[in-house]
mmCIF file of all heavy atoms, coordinates in Angstrom:
data_MODEL
# 
_entry.id   MODEL 
# 
loop_
_atom_site.group_PDB 
_atom_site.id 
_atom_site.type_symbol 
_atom_site.label_atom_id 
_atom_site.label_alt_id 
_atom_site.label_comp_id 
_atom_site.label_asym_id 
_atom_site.label_entity_id 
_atom_site.label_seq_id 
_atom_site.pdbx_PDB_ins_code 
_atom_site.Cartn_x 
_atom_site.Cartn_y 
_atom_site.Cartn_z 
_atom_site.occupancy 
_atom_site.B_iso_or_equiv 
_atom_site.pdbx_formal_charge 
_atom_site.auth_seq_id 
_atom_site.auth_comp_id 
_atom_site.auth_asym_id 
_atom_site.auth_atom_id 
_atom_site.pdbx_PDB_model_num 
ATOM 1   N N   . GLY A 1 1  ? -11.152 4.683  13.375 1.00 0.00 ? 1  GLY A N   1 
ATOM 2   C CA  . GLY A 1 1  ? -10.246 4.938  12.250 1.00 0.00 ? 1  GLY A CA  1 
ATOM 3   C C   . GLY A 1 1  ? -9.654  3.689  11.618 1.00 0.00 ? 1  GLY A C   1 
ATOM 4   O O   . GLY A 1 1  ? -8.440  3.619  11.411 1.00 0.00 ? 1  GLY A O   1 
ATOM 5   N N   . LEU A 1 2  ? -10.505 2.730  11.281 1.00 0.00 ? 2  LEU A N   1 
ATOM 6   C CA  . LEU A 1 2  ? -9.999  1.472  10.718 1.00 0.00 ? 2  LEU A CA  1 
ATOM 7   C C   . LEU A 1 2  ? -9.603  1.625  9.249  1.00 0.00 ? 2  LEU A C   1 
ATOM 8   O O   . LEU A 1 2  ? -10.362 2.166  8.431  1.00 0.00 ? 2  LEU A O   1 
ATOM 9   C CB  . LEU A 1 2  ? -11.056 0.372  10.834 1.00 0.00 ? 2  LEU A CB  1 
ATOM 10  C CG  . LEU A 1 2  ? -11.487 -0.044 12.244 1.00 0.00 ? 2  LEU A CG  1 
ATOM 11  C CD1 . LEU A 1 2  ? -12.506 -1.161 12.158 1.00 0.00 ? 2  LEU A CD1 1 
ATOM 12  C CD2 . LEU A 1 2  ? -10.290 -0.468 13.076 1.00 0.00 ? 2  LEU A CD2 1 
ATOM 13  N N   . TYR A 1 3  ? -8.415  1.111  8.954  1.00 0.00 ? 3  TYR A N   1 
ATOM 14  C CA  . TYR A 1 3  ? -7.931  0.997  7.576  1.00 0.00 ? 3  TYR A CA  1 
ATOM 15  C C   . TYR A 1 3  ? -7.513  -0.451 7.353  1.00 0.00 ? 3  TYR A C   1 
ATOM 16  O O   . TYR A 1 3  ? -7.023  -1.109 8.267  1.00 0.00 ? 3  TYR A O   1 
ATOM 17  C CB  . TYR A 1 3  ? -6.696  1.869  7.344  1.00 0.00 ? 3  TYR A CB  1 
ATOM 18  C CG  . TYR A 1 3  ? -6.946  3.359  7.214  1.00 0.00 ? 3  TYR A CG  1 
ATOM 19  C CD1 . TYR A 1 3  ? -7.261  4.121  8.333  1.00 0.00 ? 3  TYR A CD1 1 
ATOM 20  C CD2 . TYR A 1 3  ? -6.840  3.996  5.991  1.00 0.00 ? 3  TYR A CD2 1 
ATOM 21  C CE1 . TYR A 1 3  ? -7.479  5.493  8.233  1.00 0.00 ? 3  TYR A CE1 1 
ATOM 22  C CE2 . TYR A 1 3  ? -7.043  5.366  5.880  1.00 0.00 ? 3  TYR A CE2 1 
ATOM 23  C CZ  . TYR A 1 3  ? -7.358  6.106  6.997  1.00 0.00 ? 3  TYR A CZ  1 
ATOM 24  O OH  . TYR A 1 3  ? -7.570  7.462  6.886  1.00 0.00 ? 3  TYR A OH  1 
ATOM 25  N N   . LYS A 1 4  ? -7.691  -0.926 6.127  1.00 0.00 ? 4  LYS A N   1 
ATOM 26  C CA  . LYS A 1 4  ? -7.137  -2.226 5.773  1.00 0.00 ? 4  LYS A CA  1 
ATOM 27  C C   . LYS A 1 4  ? -6.545  -2.149 4.374  1.00 0.00 ? 4  LYS A C   1 
ATOM 28  O O   . LYS A 1 4  ? -7.223  -1.778 3.417  1.00 0.00 ? 4  LYS A O   1 
ATOM 29  C CB  . LYS A 1 4  ? -8.208  -3.327 5.828  1.00 0.00 ? 4  LYS A CB  1 
ATOM 30  C CG  . LYS A 1 4  ? -7.615  -4.728 5.616  1.00 0.00 ? 4  LYS A CG  1 
ATOM 31  C CD  . LYS A 1 4  ? -6.567  -5.065 6.670  1.00 0.00 ? 4  LYS A CD  1 
ATOM 32  C CE  . LYS A 1 4  ? -5.838  -6.364 6.380  1.00 0.00 ? 4  LYS A CE  1 
ATOM 33  N NZ  . LYS A 1 4  ? -4.771  -6.629 7.369  1.00 0.00 ? 4  LYS A NZ  1 
ATOM 34  N N   . ARG A 1 5  ? -5.269  -2.509 4.321  1.00 0.00 ? 5  ARG A N   1 
ATOM 35  C CA  . ARG A 1 5  ? -4.537  -2.479 3.064  1.00 0.00 ? 5  ARG A CA  1 
ATOM 36  C C   . ARG A 1 5  ? -4.006  -3.861 2.740  1.00 0.00 ? 5  ARG A C   1 
ATOM 37  O O   . ARG A 1 5  ? -3.477  -4.557 3.605  1.00 0.00 ? 5  ARG A O   1 
ATOM 38  C CB  . ARG A 1 5  ? -3.380  -1.475 3.174  1.00 0.00 ? 5  ARG A CB  1 
ATOM 39  C CG  . ARG A 1 5  ? -2.580  -1.283 1.900  1.00 0.00 ? 5  ARG A CG  1 
ATOM 40  C CD  . ARG A 1 5  ? -1.412  -0.343 2.136  1.00 0.00 ? 5  ARG A CD  1 
ATOM 41  N NE  . ARG A 1 5  ? -1.849  0.998  2.478  1.00 0.00 ? 5  ARG A NE  1 
ATOM 42  C CZ  . ARG A 1 5  ? -2.198  1.911  1.570  1.00 0.00 ? 5  ARG A CZ  1 
ATOM 43  N NH1 . ARG A 1 5  ? -2.155  1.603  0.272  1.00 0.00 ? 5  ARG A NH1 1 
ATOM 44  N NH2 . ARG A 1 5  ? -2.575  3.108  1.947  1.00 0.00 ? 5  ARG A NH2 1 
ATOM 45  N N   . TYR A 1 6  ? -4.156  -4.272 1.490  1.00 0.00 ? 6  TYR A N   1 
ATOM 46  C CA  . TYR A 1 6  ? -3.537  -5.502 0.990  1.00 0.00 ? 6  TYR A CA  1 
ATOM 47  C C   . TYR A 1 6  ? -2.532  -5.081 -0.079 1.00 0.00 ? 6  TYR A C   1 
ATOM 48  O O   . TYR A 1 6  ? -2.916  -4.751 -1.200 1.00 0.00 ? 6  TYR A O   1 
ATOM 49  C CB  . TYR A 1 6  ? -4.577  -6.444 0.376  1.00 0.00 ? 6  TYR A CB  1 
ATOM 50  C CG  . TYR A 1 6  ? -5.561  -7.005 1.375  1.00 0.00 ? 6  TYR A CG  1 
ATOM 51  C CD1 . TYR A 1 6  ? -6.812  -6.416 1.556  1.00 0.00 ? 6  TYR A CD1 1 
ATOM 52  C CD2 . TYR A 1 6  ? -5.240  -8.124 2.134  1.00 0.00 ? 6  TYR A CD2 1 
ATOM 53  C CE1 . TYR A 1 6  ? -7.712  -6.931 2.464  1.00 0.00 ? 6  TYR A CE1 1 
ATOM 54  C CE2 . TYR A 1 6  ? -6.147  -8.647 3.046  1.00 0.00 ? 6  TYR A CE2 1 
ATOM 55  C CZ  . TYR A 1 6  ? -7.378  -8.054 3.205  1.00 0.00 ? 6  TYR A CZ  1 
ATOM 56  O OH  . TYR A 1 6  ? -8.273  -8.572 4.108  1.00 0.00 ? 6  TYR A OH  1 
ATOM 57  N N   . GLY A 1 7  ? -1.247  -5.045 0.308  1.00 0.00 ? 7  GLY A N   1 
ATOM 58  C CA  . GLY A 1 7  ? -0.242  -4.555 -0.622 1.00 0.00 ? 7  GLY A CA  1 
ATOM 59  C C   . GLY A 1 7  ? -0.508  -3.088 -0.925 1.00 0.00 ? 7  GLY A C   1 
ATOM 60  O O   . GLY A 1 7  ? -0.603  -2.247 -0.023 1.00 0.00 ? 7  GLY A O   1 
ATOM 61  N N   . ALA A 1 8  ? -0.667  -2.771 -2.205 1.00 0.00 ? 8  ALA A N   1 
ATOM 62  C CA  . ALA A 1 8  ? -0.908  -1.388 -2.610 1.00 0.00 ? 8  ALA A CA  1 
ATOM 63  C C   . ALA A 1 8  ? -2.396  -1.055 -2.615 1.00 0.00 ? 8  ALA A C   1 
ATOM 64  O O   . ALA A 1 8  ? -2.783  0.094  -2.833 1.00 0.00 ? 8  ALA A O   1 
ATOM 65  C CB  . ALA A 1 8  ? -0.325  -1.152 -3.999 1.00 0.00 ? 8  ALA A CB  1 
ATOM 66  N N   . VAL A 1 9  ? -3.247  -2.047 -2.360 1.00 0.00 ? 9  VAL A N   1 
ATOM 67  C CA  . VAL A 1 9  ? -4.697  -1.837 -2.463 1.00 0.00 ? 9  VAL A CA  1 
ATOM 68  C C   . VAL A 1 9  ? -5.288  -1.520 -1.087 1.00 0.00 ? 9  VAL A C   1 
ATOM 69  O O   . VAL A 1 9  ? -5.155  -2.310 -0.145 1.00 0.00 ? 9  VAL A O   1 
ATOM 70  C CB  . VAL A 1 9  ? -5.391  -3.086 -3.048 1.00 0.00 ? 9  VAL A CB  1 
ATOM 71  C CG1 . VAL A 1 9  ? -6.901  -2.862 -3.127 1.00 0.00 ? 9  VAL A CG1 1 
ATOM 72  C CG2 . VAL A 1 9  ? -4.815  -3.430 -4.418 1.00 0.00 ? 9  VAL A CG2 1 
ATOM 73  N N   . LEU A 1 10 ? -5.930  -0.380 -0.992 1.00 0.00 ? 10 LEU A N   1 
ATOM 74  C CA  . LEU A 1 10 ? -6.595  0.038  0.244  1.00 0.00 ? 10 LEU A CA  1 
ATOM 75  C C   . LEU A 1 10 ? -8.066  -0.352 0.123  1.00 0.00 ? 10 LEU A C   1 
ATOM 76  O O   . LEU A 1 10 ? -8.813  0.230  -0.669 1.00 0.00 ? 10 LEU A O   1 
ATOM 77  C CB  . LEU A 1 10 ? -6.458  1.546  0.441  1.00 0.00 ? 10 LEU A CB  1 
ATOM 78  C CG  . LEU A 1 10 ? -6.898  2.130  1.775  1.00 0.00 ? 10 LEU A CG  1 
ATOM 79  C CD1 . LEU A 1 10 ? -6.071  1.566  2.931  1.00 0.00 ? 10 LEU A CD1 1 
ATOM 80  C CD2 . LEU A 1 10 ? -6.803  3.657  1.751  1.00 0.00 ? 10 LEU A CD2 1 
ATOM 81  N N   . THR A 1 11 ? -8.498  -1.358 0.897  1.00 0.00 ? 11 THR A N   1 
ATOM 82  C CA  . THR A 1 11 ? -9.864  -1.875 0.744  1.00 0.00 ? 11 THR A CA  1 
ATOM 83  C C   . THR A 1 11 ? -10.878 -1.112 1.595  1.00 0.00 ? 11 THR A C   1 
ATOM 84  O O   . THR A 1 11 ? -12.021 -0.953 1.183  1.00 0.00 ? 11 THR A O   1 
ATOM 85  C CB  . THR A 1 11 ? -9.932  -3.368 1.098  1.00 0.00 ? 11 THR A CB  1 
ATOM 86  O OG1 . THR A 1 11 ? -9.419  -3.563 2.428  1.00 0.00 ? 11 THR A OG1 1 
ATOM 87  C CG2 . THR A 1 11 ? -9.120  -4.194 0.122  1.00 0.00 ? 11 THR A CG2 1 
ATOM 88  N N   . VAL A 1 12 ? -10.491 -0.690 2.801  1.00 0.00 ? 12 VAL A N   1 
ATOM 89  C CA  . VAL A 1 12 ? -11.364 0.177  3.608  1.00 0.00 ? 12 VAL A CA  1 
ATOM 90  C C   . VAL A 1 12 ? -10.518 1.271  4.243  1.00 0.00 ? 12 VAL A C   1 
ATOM 91  O O   . VAL A 1 12 ? -9.330  1.071  4.524  1.00 0.00 ? 12 VAL A O   1 
ATOM 92  C CB  . VAL A 1 12 ? -12.127 -0.598 4.708  1.00 0.00 ? 12 VAL A CB  1 
ATOM 93  C CG1 . VAL A 1 12 ? -13.069 -1.629 4.115  1.00 0.00 ? 12 VAL A CG1 1 
ATOM 94  C CG2 . VAL A 1 12 ? -11.202 -1.259 5.690  1.00 0.00 ? 12 VAL A CG2 1 
ATOM 95  N N   . ARG A 1 13 ? -11.135 2.430  4.474  1.00 0.00 ? 13 ARG A N   1 
ATOM 96  C CA  . ARG A 1 13 ? -10.380 3.551  5.034  1.00 0.00 ? 13 ARG A CA  1 
ATOM 97  C C   . ARG A 1 13 ? -11.266 4.409  5.929  1.00 0.00 ? 13 ARG A C   1 
ATOM 98  O O   . ARG A 1 13 ? -12.436 4.644  5.638  1.00 0.00 ? 13 ARG A O   1 
ATOM 99  C CB  . ARG A 1 13 ? -9.773  4.405  3.915  1.00 0.00 ? 13 ARG A CB  1 
ATOM 100 C CG  . ARG A 1 13 ? -10.780 5.040  2.974  1.00 0.00 ? 13 ARG A CG  1 
ATOM 101 C CD  . ARG A 1 13 ? -10.072 5.699  1.788  1.00 0.00 ? 13 ARG A CD  1 
ATOM 102 N NE  . ARG A 1 13 ? -10.982 6.387  0.898  1.00 0.00 ? 13 ARG A NE  1 
ATOM 103 C CZ  . ARG A 1 13 ? -11.708 5.801  -0.033 1.00 0.00 ? 13 ARG A CZ  1 
ATOM 104 N NH1 . ARG A 1 13 ? -11.660 4.502  -0.208 1.00 0.00 ? 13 ARG A NH1 1 
ATOM 105 N NH2 . ARG A 1 13 ? -12.501 6.515  -0.809 1.00 0.00 ? 13 ARG A NH2 1 
ATOM 106 N N   . GLU A 1 14 ? -10.671 4.823  7.041  1.00 0.00 ? 14 GLU A N   1 
ATOM 107 C CA  . GLU A 1 14 ? -11.290 5.752  7.993  1.00 0.00 ? 14 GLU A CA  1 
ATOM 108 C C   . GLU A 1 14 ? -12.695 5.319  8.405  1.00 0.00 ? 14 GLU A C   1 
ATOM 109 O O   . GLU A 1 14 ? -13.652 6.091  8.335  1.00 0.00 ? 14 GLU A O   1 
ATOM 110 C CB  . GLU A 1 14 ? -11.334 7.168  7.392  1.00 0.00 ? 14 GLU A CB  1 
ATOM 111 C CG  . GLU A 1 14 ? -11.507 8.279  8.418  1.00 0.00 ? 14 GLU A CG  1 
ATOM 112 C CD  . GLU A 1 14 ? -10.452 8.247  9.535  1.00 0.00 ? 14 GLU A CD  1 
ATOM 113 O OE1 . GLU A 1 14 ? -9.256  8.209  9.227  1.00 0.00 ? 14 GLU A OE1 1 
ATOM 114 O OE2 . GLU A 1 14 ? -10.858 8.224  10.704 1.00 0.00 ? 14 GLU A OE2 1 
ATOM 115 N N   . ILE A 1 15 ? -12.789 4.073  8.860  1.00 0.00 ? 15 ILE A N   1 
ATOM 116 C CA  . ILE A 1 15 ? -14.074 3.547  9.314  1.00 0.00 ? 15 ILE A CA  1 
ATOM 117 C C   . ILE A 1 15 ? -14.172 3.723  10.830 1.00 0.00 ? 15 ILE A C   1 
ATOM 118 O O   . ILE A 1 15 ? -13.375 3.157  11.583 1.00 0.00 ? 15 ILE A O   1 
ATOM 119 C CB  . ILE A 1 15 ? -14.224 2.052  8.958  1.00 0.00 ? 15 ILE A CB  1 
ATOM 120 C CG1 . ILE A 1 15 ? -14.073 1.831  7.454  1.00 0.00 ? 15 ILE A CG1 1 
ATOM 121 C CG2 . ILE A 1 15 ? -15.566 1.527  9.478  1.00 0.00 ? 15 ILE A CG2 1 
ATOM 122 C CD1 . ILE A 1 15 ? -15.124 2.496  6.600  1.00 0.00 ? 15 ILE A CD1 1 
ATOM 123 N N   . SER A 1 16 ? -15.144 4.498  11.260 1.00 0.00 ? 16 SER A N   1 
ATOM 124 C CA  . SER A 1 16 ? -15.371 4.714  12.692 1.00 0.00 ? 16 SER A CA  1 
ATOM 125 C C   . SER A 1 16 ? -16.866 4.607  12.979 1.00 0.00 ? 16 SER A C   1 
ATOM 126 O O   . SER A 1 16 ? -17.683 5.117  12.211 1.00 0.00 ? 16 SER A O   1 
ATOM 127 C CB  . SER A 1 16 ? -14.868 6.089  13.129 1.00 0.00 ? 16 SER A CB  1 
ATOM 128 O OG  . SER A 1 16 ? -13.466 6.197  12.961 1.00 0.00 ? 16 SER A OG  1 
ATOM 129 N N   . PHE A 1 17 ? -17.205 3.940  14.066 1.00 0.00 ? 17 PHE A N   1 
ATOM 130 C CA  . PHE A 1 17 ? -18.589 3.871  14.523 1.00 0.00 ? 17 PHE A CA  1 
ATOM 131 C C   . PHE A 1 17 ? -18.588 3.353  15.953 1.00 0.00 ? 17 PHE A C   1 
ATOM 132 O O   . PHE A 1 17 ? -17.586 2.852  16.451 1.00 0.00 ? 17 PHE A O   1 
ATOM 133 C CB  . PHE A 1 17 ? -19.445 2.953  13.629 1.00 0.00 ? 17 PHE A CB  1 
ATOM 134 C CG  . PHE A 1 17 ? -18.924 1.547  13.500 1.00 0.00 ? 17 PHE A CG  1 
ATOM 135 C CD1 . PHE A 1 17 ? -19.155 0.597  14.485 1.00 0.00 ? 17 PHE A CD1 1 
ATOM 136 C CD2 . PHE A 1 17 ? -18.209 1.157  12.373 1.00 0.00 ? 17 PHE A CD2 1 
ATOM 137 C CE1 . PHE A 1 17 ? -18.667 -0.692 14.371 1.00 0.00 ? 17 PHE A CE1 1 
ATOM 138 C CE2 . PHE A 1 17 ? -17.725 -0.132 12.251 1.00 0.00 ? 17 PHE A CE2 1 
ATOM 139 C CZ  . PHE A 1 17 ? -17.961 -1.063 13.254 1.00 0.00 ? 17 PHE A CZ  1 
ATOM 140 N N   . ARG A 1 18 ? -19.735 3.460  16.611 1.00 0.00 ? 18 ARG A N   1 
ATOM 141 C CA  . ARG A 1 18 ? -19.897 2.896  17.958 1.00 0.00 ? 18 ARG A CA  1 
ATOM 142 C C   . ARG A 1 18 ? -21.293 2.315  18.080 1.00 0.00 ? 18 ARG A C   1 
ATOM 143 O O   . ARG A 1 18 ? -22.241 2.802  17.444 1.00 0.00 ? 18 ARG A O   1 
ATOM 144 C CB  . ARG A 1 18 ? -19.639 3.951  19.031 1.00 0.00 ? 18 ARG A CB  1 
ATOM 145 C CG  . ARG A 1 18 ? -20.541 5.144  18.999 1.00 0.00 ? 18 ARG A CG  1 
ATOM 146 C CD  . ARG A 1 18 ? -20.267 6.093  20.169 1.00 0.00 ? 18 ARG A CD  1 
ATOM 147 N NE  . ARG A 1 18 ? -18.897 6.588  20.144 1.00 0.00 ? 18 ARG A NE  1 
ATOM 148 C CZ  . ARG A 1 18 ? -18.525 7.714  19.568 1.00 0.00 ? 18 ARG A CZ  1 
ATOM 149 N NH1 . ARG A 1 18 ? -19.423 8.462  18.933 1.00 0.00 ? 18 ARG A NH1 1 
ATOM 150 N NH2 . ARG A 1 18 ? -17.277 8.107  19.609 1.00 0.00 ? 18 ARG A NH2 1 
ATOM 151 N N   . ILE A 1 19 ? -21.412 1.273  18.879 1.00 0.00 ? 19 ILE A N   1 
ATOM 152 C CA  . ILE A 1 19 ? -22.709 0.647  19.139 1.00 0.00 ? 19 ILE A CA  1 
ATOM 153 C C   . ILE A 1 19 ? -22.880 0.541  20.654 1.00 0.00 ? 19 ILE A C   1 
ATOM 154 O O   . ILE A 1 19 ? -22.043 -0.062 21.333 1.00 0.00 ? 19 ILE A O   1 
ATOM 155 C CB  . ILE A 1 19 ? -22.821 -0.761 18.519 1.00 0.00 ? 19 ILE A CB  1 
ATOM 156 C CG1 . ILE A 1 19 ? -22.337 -0.769 17.064 1.00 0.00 ? 19 ILE A CG1 1 
ATOM 157 C CG2 . ILE A 1 19 ? -24.267 -1.254 18.589 1.00 0.00 ? 19 ILE A CG2 1 
ATOM 158 C CD1 . ILE A 1 19 ? -22.286 -2.158 16.455 1.00 0.00 ? 19 ILE A CD1 1 
ATOM 159 N N   . ARG A 1 20 ? -23.953 1.115  21.147 1.00 0.00 ? 20 ARG A N   1 
ATOM 160 C CA  . ARG A 1 20 ? -24.255 1.031  22.578 1.00 0.00 ? 20 ARG A CA  1 
ATOM 161 C C   . ARG A 1 20 ? -25.320 -0.033 22.819 1.00 0.00 ? 20 ARG A C   1 
ATOM 162 O O   . ARG A 1 20 ? -25.932 -0.541 21.882 1.00 0.00 ? 20 ARG A O   1 
ATOM 163 C CB  . ARG A 1 20 ? -24.722 2.388  23.097 1.00 0.00 ? 20 ARG A CB  1 
ATOM 164 C CG  . ARG A 1 20 ? -23.618 3.452  23.062 1.00 0.00 ? 20 ARG A CG  1 
ATOM 165 C CD  . ARG A 1 20 ? -24.068 4.751  23.718 1.00 0.00 ? 20 ARG A CD  1 
ATOM 166 N NE  . ARG A 1 20 ? -22.969 5.692  23.842 1.00 0.00 ? 20 ARG A NE  1 
ATOM 167 C CZ  . ARG A 1 20 ? -22.604 6.551  22.898 1.00 0.00 ? 20 ARG A CZ  1 
ATOM 168 N NH1 . ARG A 1 20 ? -23.262 6.586  21.756 1.00 0.00 ? 20 ARG A NH1 1 
ATOM 169 N NH2 . ARG A 1 20 ? -21.577 7.360  23.084 1.00 0.00 ? 20 ARG A NH2 1 
ATOM 170 N N   . ARG A 1 21 ? -25.527 -0.352 24.084 1.00 0.00 ? 21 ARG A N   1 
ATOM 171 C CA  . ARG A 1 21 ? -26.565 -1.316 24.455 1.00 0.00 ? 21 ARG A CA  1 
ATOM 172 C C   . ARG A 1 21 ? -27.908 -0.895 23.867 1.00 0.00 ? 21 ARG A C   1 
ATOM 173 O O   . ARG A 1 21 ? -28.285 0.277  23.952 1.00 0.00 ? 21 ARG A O   1 
ATOM 174 C CB  . ARG A 1 21 ? -26.687 -1.411 25.971 1.00 0.00 ? 21 ARG A CB  1 
ATOM 175 C CG  . ARG A 1 21 ? -25.561 -2.180 26.648 1.00 0.00 ? 21 ARG A CG  1 
ATOM 176 C CD  . ARG A 1 21 ? -25.639 -2.027 28.168 1.00 0.00 ? 21 ARG A CD  1 
ATOM 177 N NE  . ARG A 1 21 ? -26.968 -2.307 28.689 1.00 0.00 ? 21 ARG A NE  1 
ATOM 178 C CZ  . ARG A 1 21 ? -27.430 -3.521 29.006 1.00 0.00 ? 21 ARG A CZ  1 
ATOM 179 N NH1 . ARG A 1 21 ? -26.640 -4.571 28.866 1.00 0.00 ? 21 ARG A NH1 1 
ATOM 180 N NH2 . ARG A 1 21 ? -28.649 -3.691 29.468 1.00 0.00 ? 21 ARG A NH2 1 
ATOM 181 N N   . GLY A 1 22 ? -28.592 -1.851 23.268 1.00 0.00 ? 22 GLY A N   1 
ATOM 182 C CA  . GLY A 1 22 ? -29.917 -1.572 22.719 1.00 0.00 ? 22 GLY A CA  1 
ATOM 183 C C   . GLY A 1 22 ? -29.915 -1.012 21.309 1.00 0.00 ? 22 GLY A C   1 
ATOM 184 O O   . GLY A 1 22 ? -30.981 -0.732 20.756 1.00 0.00 ? 22 GLY A O   1 
ATOM 185 N N   . GLU A 1 23 ? -28.733 -0.834 20.735 1.00 0.00 ? 23 GLU A N   1 
ATOM 186 C CA  . GLU A 1 23 ? -28.646 -0.272 19.374 1.00 0.00 ? 23 GLU A CA  1 
ATOM 187 C C   . GLU A 1 23 ? -28.377 -1.366 18.354 1.00 0.00 ? 23 GLU A C   1 
ATOM 188 O O   . GLU A 1 23 ? -27.675 -2.336 18.615 1.00 0.00 ? 23 GLU A O   1 
ATOM 189 C CB  . GLU A 1 23 ? -27.553 0.788  19.310 1.00 0.00 ? 23 GLU A CB  1 
ATOM 190 C CG  . GLU A 1 23 ? -27.854 2.032  20.127 1.00 0.00 ? 23 GLU A CG  1 
ATOM 191 C CD  . GLU A 1 23 ? -26.782 3.097  20.038 1.00 0.00 ? 23 GLU A CD  1 
ATOM 192 O OE1 . GLU A 1 23 ? -25.675 2.811  19.528 1.00 0.00 ? 23 GLU A OE1 1 
ATOM 193 O OE2 . GLU A 1 23 ? -27.055 4.220  20.503 1.00 0.00 ? 23 GLU A OE2 1 
ATOM 194 N N   . VAL A 1 24 ? -28.938 -1.157 17.152 1.00 0.00 ? 24 VAL A N   1 
ATOM 195 C CA  . VAL A 1 24 ? -28.670 -2.027 16.002 1.00 0.00 ? 24 VAL A CA  1 
ATOM 196 C C   . VAL A 1 24 ? -28.056 -1.156 14.914 1.00 0.00 ? 24 VAL A C   1 
ATOM 197 O O   . VAL A 1 24 ? -28.735 -0.287 14.346 1.00 0.00 ? 24 VAL A O   1 
ATOM 198 C CB  . VAL A 1 24 ? -29.957 -2.691 15.470 1.00 0.00 ? 24 VAL A CB  1 
ATOM 199 C CG1 . VAL A 1 24 ? -29.621 -3.640 14.317 1.00 0.00 ? 24 VAL A CG1 1 
ATOM 200 C CG2 . VAL A 1 24 ? -30.685 -3.449 16.573 1.00 0.00 ? 24 VAL A CG2 1 
# 
């Protein structure tokens, strides 16, 4: 659930993922 805000600007929202061994 990553969000990044700069002041009033939301640059990324609700970023979720996972990487296991052997995955690209």
